[in-house]
Amino acid sequence: MTPVEVIPGDGPVILGLPHTGTFLPEEIRARLTPRGQELADTDWHVHELYAGLLPGATTVRATFHRYVIDANRGPEDESLYPGQNTTGLVPSTDFDGVPIWGEAPDAAEVADRLARFHAPYHAALAAEIARVKARHGVAILYDCHSIRSHIPFLFEGTLPDFNIGTAGGTSCAPQIEAAARTVCAGAEGFSHVLNGRFRGGWTTRHYGRPETGVHAIQMELAQSTHLATEAAPWTLSTEKAARLRPHLAGILARLAALAPELAR
């Protein structure tokens, strides 16, 4: 199993998909608790939601599960949200704070997973960013995520439907942030927030350098926007997806249209 799947496109937008993979090497799966083996924290069906929405978009998708190693955490495992509950480079718990390992990996194994899974994903992502920027003078990385709308361990209350993260406005040009927010604000029946509980993960913060022509933005979707229920078997609702996809397409189209302006 290759750790990363890349579909190169000829446009300026790159879709990052770090958490839709479900592959677990058998020796790793065997050490997870039964609860861990449920893989509840997957970004279920997100790659399907975005499929075909923007002709010419590049996609970079991790095939391995985030319990192997989290491709949206830094290799040094620094906290993305100091002082708040979160999960790390190799999560020790699920999003409800419940332990997922019968036998947790030691430092040597984490280093091995970094080399086998995390590094190839980011090497591929960095290569595509460089390729797209060379072609267009700019690269726009749109990092695709989802999460359950109710997770008391991580946040209070109900998560908005669209959670836009730009690291407090530092990871992309203001036009990109504004374009995403405009579409979300106009999406009837949907709620949104900018730089709320999810302000952009390590990928957004690491690659987003607008002064160099590389812009990054994260979209964390509440799974209530597209799943039949936010529980196993995590079925995609075709009706909900049909309502959601035009808004996602609108965001991507606006970002792509900004590329010539941003490249000047």
Protein backbone atom coordinates (compact mmCIF):
# COMPACT_ATOMS: atom_id res chain seq x y z
CA MET A 1 0.00 0.00 0.00
CA THR A 2 1.49 3.32 -1.07
CA PRO A 3 1.17 5.93 1.72
CA VAL A 4 0.07 8.72 -0.62
CA GLU A 5 -2.01 9.04 -3.77
CA VAL A 6 -1.38 12.01 -6.05
CA ILE A 7 -3.57 13.12 -8.94
CA PRO A 8 -1.77 16.03 -10.64
CA GLY A 9 -3.87 18.77 -12.17
CA ASP A 10 -3.05 21.77 -14.32
CA GLY A 11 -4.80 24.38 -12.17
CA PRO A 12 -3.57 26.53 -9.26
CA VAL A 13 -5.50 24.76 -6.47
CA ILE A 14 -4.26 21.72 -4.53
CA LEU A 15 -6.61 19.69 -2.37
CA GLY A 16 -4.91 18.15 0.66
CA LEU A 17 -6.61 15.08 2.12
CA PRO A 18 -4.64 13.93 5.18
CA HIS A 19 -7.39 12.12 7.11
CA THR A 20 -9.58 10.15 4.69
CA GLY A 21 -7.31 7.09 4.58
CA THR A 22 -8.26 3.94 6.48
CA PHE A 23 -5.23 1.72 5.84
CA LEU A 24 -3.61 0.17 8.92
CA PRO A 25 -0.70 -2.26 8.72
CA GLU A 26 -1.89 -5.43 10.42
CA GLU A 27 0.77 -5.24 13.12
CA ILE A 28 -0.53 -1.80 14.05
CA ARG A 29 -4.20 -2.75 13.87
CA ALA A 30 -3.61 -5.68 16.23
CA ARG A 31 -2.33 -3.32 18.93
CA LEU A 32 -5.35 -1.04 18.86
CA THR A 33 -8.18 -1.63 21.30
CA PRO A 34 -11.53 -2.72 19.83
CA ARG A 35 -12.62 0.89 20.14
CA GLY A 36 -9.52 2.08 18.30
CA GLN A 37 -10.17 -0.41 15.52
CA GLU A 38 -13.49 1.32 14.81
CA LEU A 39 -11.49 4.23 13.27
CA ALA A 40 -14.20 6.63 14.39
CA ASP A 41 -12.05 9.73 13.85
CA THR A 42 -11.73 9.26 10.08
CA ASP A 43 -12.72 12.15 7.79
CA TRP A 44 -15.42 9.93 6.34
CA HIS A 45 -16.21 10.42 2.61
CA VAL A 46 -14.49 13.80 2.37
CA HIS A 47 -12.56 12.77 -0.75
CA GLU A 48 -15.89 11.81 -2.34
CA LEU A 49 -17.44 15.16 -1.45
CA TYR A 50 -14.74 17.06 -3.30
CA ALA A 51 -14.32 14.68 -6.23
CA GLY A 52 -14.86 16.45 -9.55
CA LEU A 53 -15.75 19.83 -8.05
CA LEU A 54 -12.88 21.76 -9.61
CA PRO A 55 -11.52 20.62 -12.98
CA GLY A 56 -7.74 20.87 -12.98
CA ALA A 57 -7.33 20.65 -9.22
CA THR A 58 -4.45 18.56 -7.90
CA THR A 59 -5.22 16.13 -5.07
CA VAL A 60 -2.76 14.73 -2.54
CA ARG A 61 -4.35 12.08 -0.33
CA ALA A 62 -2.90 10.07 2.54
CA THR A 63 -4.06 6.46 2.35
CA PHE A 64 -3.03 5.55 5.92
CA HIS A 65 -5.22 6.21 8.94
CA ARG A 66 -4.44 9.03 11.35
CA TYR A 67 -3.99 6.45 14.15
CA VAL A 68 -0.89 5.20 12.31
CA ILE A 69 0.43 8.75 12.34
CA ASP A 70 -1.36 12.05 11.85
CA ALA A 71 -0.31 13.74 8.63
CA ASN A 72 -1.74 17.04 9.89
CA ARG A 73 0.54 17.22 12.93
CA GLY A 74 4.11 18.45 12.96
CA PRO A 75 6.93 15.90 13.15
CA GLU A 76 8.00 17.37 16.50
CA ASP A 77 4.46 16.80 17.86
CA GLU A 78 4.02 20.36 19.05
CA SER A 79 0.48 21.15 20.23
CA LEU A 80 -1.68 22.97 17.73
CA TYR A 81 -3.95 24.29 20.46
CA PRO A 82 -2.00 24.77 23.71
CA GLY A 83 -4.20 24.54 26.77
CA GLN A 84 -7.01 22.74 24.94
CA ASN A 85 -7.74 19.04 24.56
CA THR A 86 -6.45 17.72 21.26
CA THR A 87 -4.75 14.65 19.78
CA GLY A 88 -1.12 14.31 18.83
CA LEU A 89 1.19 13.01 16.12
CA VAL A 90 0.34 9.43 17.06
CA PRO A 91 -2.92 9.82 18.98
CA SER A 92 -3.10 8.11 22.36
CA THR A 93 -6.87 8.62 22.58
CA ASP A 94 -9.78 9.10 20.23
CA PHE A 95 -11.66 12.39 19.99
CA ASP A 96 -13.70 11.44 23.06
CA GLY A 97 -10.57 11.10 25.19
CA VAL A 98 -10.79 7.30 25.34
CA PRO A 99 -7.48 5.37 25.05
CA ILE A 100 -7.12 3.55 21.73
CA TRP A 101 -3.96 1.46 22.24
CA GLY A 102 -3.55 -1.85 24.00
CA GLU A 103 0.20 -1.40 23.50
CA ALA A 104 1.21 2.14 22.64
CA PRO A 105 4.09 2.74 20.21
CA ASP A 106 7.44 3.77 21.65
CA ALA A 107 9.69 6.54 20.36
CA ALA A 108 11.51 4.26 17.93
CA GLU A 109 8.25 3.13 16.38
CA VAL A 110 6.98 6.68 16.06
CA ALA A 111 10.20 7.58 14.25
CA ASP A 112 9.67 4.62 11.92
CA ARG A 113 6.11 5.73 11.17
CA LEU A 114 7.33 9.25 10.47
CA ALA A 115 9.72 7.87 7.88
CA ARG A 116 7.32 5.37 6.31
CA PHE A 117 4.11 7.40 6.21
CA HIS A 118 4.31 11.03 7.33
CA ALA A 119 7.42 12.00 5.36
CA PRO A 120 6.25 10.54 2.00
CA TYR A 121 2.93 12.35 2.29
CA HIS A 122 4.57 15.69 2.92
CA ALA A 123 7.25 15.10 0.31
CA ALA A 124 4.49 14.56 -2.25
CA LEU A 125 2.55 17.60 -1.04
CA ALA A 126 5.63 19.83 -1.12
CA ALA A 127 6.49 18.60 -4.62
CA GLU A 128 3.02 19.40 -5.91
CA ILE A 129 3.07 22.84 -4.31
CA ALA A 130 6.40 23.55 -6.03
CA ARG A 131 5.12 22.24 -9.37
CA VAL A 132 1.89 24.22 -9.25
CA LYS A 133 3.65 27.40 -8.18
CA ALA A 134 6.18 27.05 -11.00
CA ARG A 135 3.31 26.79 -13.48
CA HIS A 136 1.06 29.55 -12.13
CA GLY A 137 3.32 31.77 -10.05
CA VAL A 138 1.16 30.88 -7.08
CA ALA A 139 -0.15 27.76 -5.34
CA ILE A 140 -3.34 27.59 -3.28
CA LEU A 141 -3.51 24.69 -0.85
CA TYR A 142 -7.02 23.89 0.36
CA ASP A 143 -6.85 21.35 3.18
CA CYS A 144 -9.99 19.22 3.39
CA HIS A 145 -11.26 17.96 6.75
CA SER A 146 -14.36 16.88 8.65
CA ILE A 147 -15.29 16.12 12.25
CA ARG A 148 -18.35 15.23 14.29
CA SER A 149 -20.42 18.24 15.26
CA HIS A 150 -20.67 17.21 18.93
CA ILE A 151 -17.45 16.27 20.73
CA PRO A 152 -17.46 17.53 24.35
CA PHE A 153 -13.84 16.41 24.88
CA LEU A 154 -12.70 18.86 22.18
CA PHE A 155 -15.25 21.68 22.23
CA GLU A 156 -18.46 22.83 23.85
CA GLY A 157 -21.82 22.84 22.12
CA THR A 158 -22.37 22.26 18.41
CA LEU A 159 -19.69 22.98 15.83
CA PRO A 160 -20.66 25.29 12.93
CA ASP A 161 -21.09 23.61 9.56
CA PHE A 162 -18.17 25.36 7.85
CA ASN A 163 -15.05 25.97 9.94
CA ILE A 164 -12.57 28.07 7.98
CA GLY A 165 -9.00 28.11 9.27
CA THR A 166 -6.30 30.52 8.13
CA ALA A 167 -4.10 30.60 11.25
CA GLY A 168 -5.55 33.95 12.21
CA GLY A 169 -5.21 35.31 8.68
CA THR A 170 -1.50 34.52 8.35
CA SER A 171 -1.57 31.47 6.06
CA CYS A 172 -3.14 33.06 2.97
CA ALA A 173 -3.92 36.34 1.30
CA PRO A 174 -6.96 38.24 2.62
CA GLN A 175 -8.73 37.70 -0.71
CA ILE A 176 -8.68 33.93 -0.20
CA GLU A 177 -10.06 34.15 3.31
CA ALA A 178 -12.75 36.58 2.13
CA ALA A 179 -13.73 34.42 -0.84
CA ALA A 180 -14.27 31.35 1.32
CA ARG A 181 -16.20 33.30 3.91
CA THR A 182 -18.42 34.96 1.29
CA VAL A 183 -19.52 31.62 -0.12
CA CYS A 184 -20.14 30.16 3.34
CA ALA A 185 -22.08 33.22 4.48
CA GLY A 186 -24.31 32.92 1.43
CA ALA A 187 -24.97 29.20 1.89
CA GLU A 188 -28.58 29.14 3.04
CA GLY A 189 -29.22 26.79 5.93
CA PHE A 190 -25.52 26.46 6.81
CA SER A 191 -23.53 28.12 9.59
CA HIS A 192 -19.88 29.10 9.47
CA VAL A 193 -17.03 30.51 11.53
CA LEU A 194 -13.61 31.89 10.69
CA ASN A 195 -10.68 30.83 12.88
CA GLY A 196 -12.88 29.41 15.59
CA ARG A 197 -12.11 26.15 17.36
CA PHE A 198 -10.24 24.93 14.26
CA ARG A 199 -7.87 27.58 12.97
CA GLY A 200 -5.85 25.40 10.62
CA GLY A 201 -3.66 22.43 11.39
CA TRP A 202 0.06 21.95 10.95
CA THR A 203 -0.31 21.62 7.18
CA THR A 204 -1.98 25.00 6.84
CA ARG A 205 0.43 26.71 9.21
CA HIS A 206 3.56 25.06 7.78
CA TYR A 207 2.93 25.60 4.06
CA GLY A 208 0.94 28.82 4.13
CA ARG A 209 3.48 31.52 3.26
CA PRO A 210 1.56 34.07 1.22
CA GLU A 211 4.61 36.32 0.91
CA THR A 212 6.23 33.53 -1.16
CA GLY A 213 3.17 32.85 -3.30
CA VAL A 214 2.01 29.77 -1.37
CA HIS A 215 -1.40 30.20 0.24
CA ALA A 216 -3.07 27.67 2.53
CA ILE A 217 -6.56 27.46 3.98
CA GLN A 218 -8.27 24.68 5.93
CA MET A 219 -11.93 23.74 5.76
CA GLU A 220 -13.24 21.62 8.62
CA LEU A 221 -16.76 20.45 7.81
CA ALA A 222 -19.14 19.32 10.51
CA GLN A 223 -19.99 15.75 9.55
CA SER A 224 -23.68 16.52 10.09
CA THR A 225 -23.47 18.35 6.73
CA HIS A 226 -22.95 15.16 4.76
CA LEU A 227 -23.32 11.98 6.84
CA ALA A 228 -26.65 10.25 7.37
CA THR A 229 -25.73 10.01 11.06
CA GLU A 230 -22.50 10.89 12.84
CA ALA A 231 -21.98 7.30 13.95
CA ALA A 232 -21.08 3.92 12.48
CA PRO A 233 -21.46 2.87 9.72
CA TRP A 234 -20.70 6.49 8.76
CA THR A 235 -22.90 6.45 5.68
CA LEU A 236 -22.73 9.31 3.22
CA SER A 237 -26.11 10.96 2.71
CA THR A 238 -26.56 11.57 -0.99
CA GLU A 239 -29.24 14.17 -0.24
CA LYS A 240 -27.02 16.12 2.16
CA ALA A 241 -24.04 15.85 -0.16
CA ALA A 242 -26.10 17.23 -3.03
CA ARG A 243 -26.90 20.31 -0.90
CA LEU A 244 -23.33 20.77 0.26
CA ARG A 245 -21.28 20.14 -2.87
CA PRO A 246 -22.35 23.27 -4.83
CA HIS A 247 -21.11 25.47 -1.99
CA LEU A 248 -17.78 23.63 -1.85
CA ALA A 249 -17.52 23.96 -5.62
CA GLY A 250 -18.21 27.68 -5.30
CA ILE A 251 -15.38 28.12 -2.82
CA LEU A 252 -12.90 26.24 -4.99
CA ALA A 253 -13.91 28.11 -8.13
CA ARG A 254 -13.43 31.47 -6.41
CA LEU A 255 -10.01 30.46 -5.13
CA ALA A 256 -8.90 29.32 -8.58
CA ALA A 257 -10.15 32.57 -10.11
CA LEU A 258 -8.02 34.57 -7.65
CA ALA A 259 -4.77 32.93 -8.79
CA PRO A 260 -3.89 35.38 -11.62
CA GLU A 261 -4.41 38.35 -9.29
CA LEU A 262 -2.33 36.78 -6.54
CA ALA A 263 0.47 35.89 -8.94
CA ARG A 264 0.94 39.50 -10.06
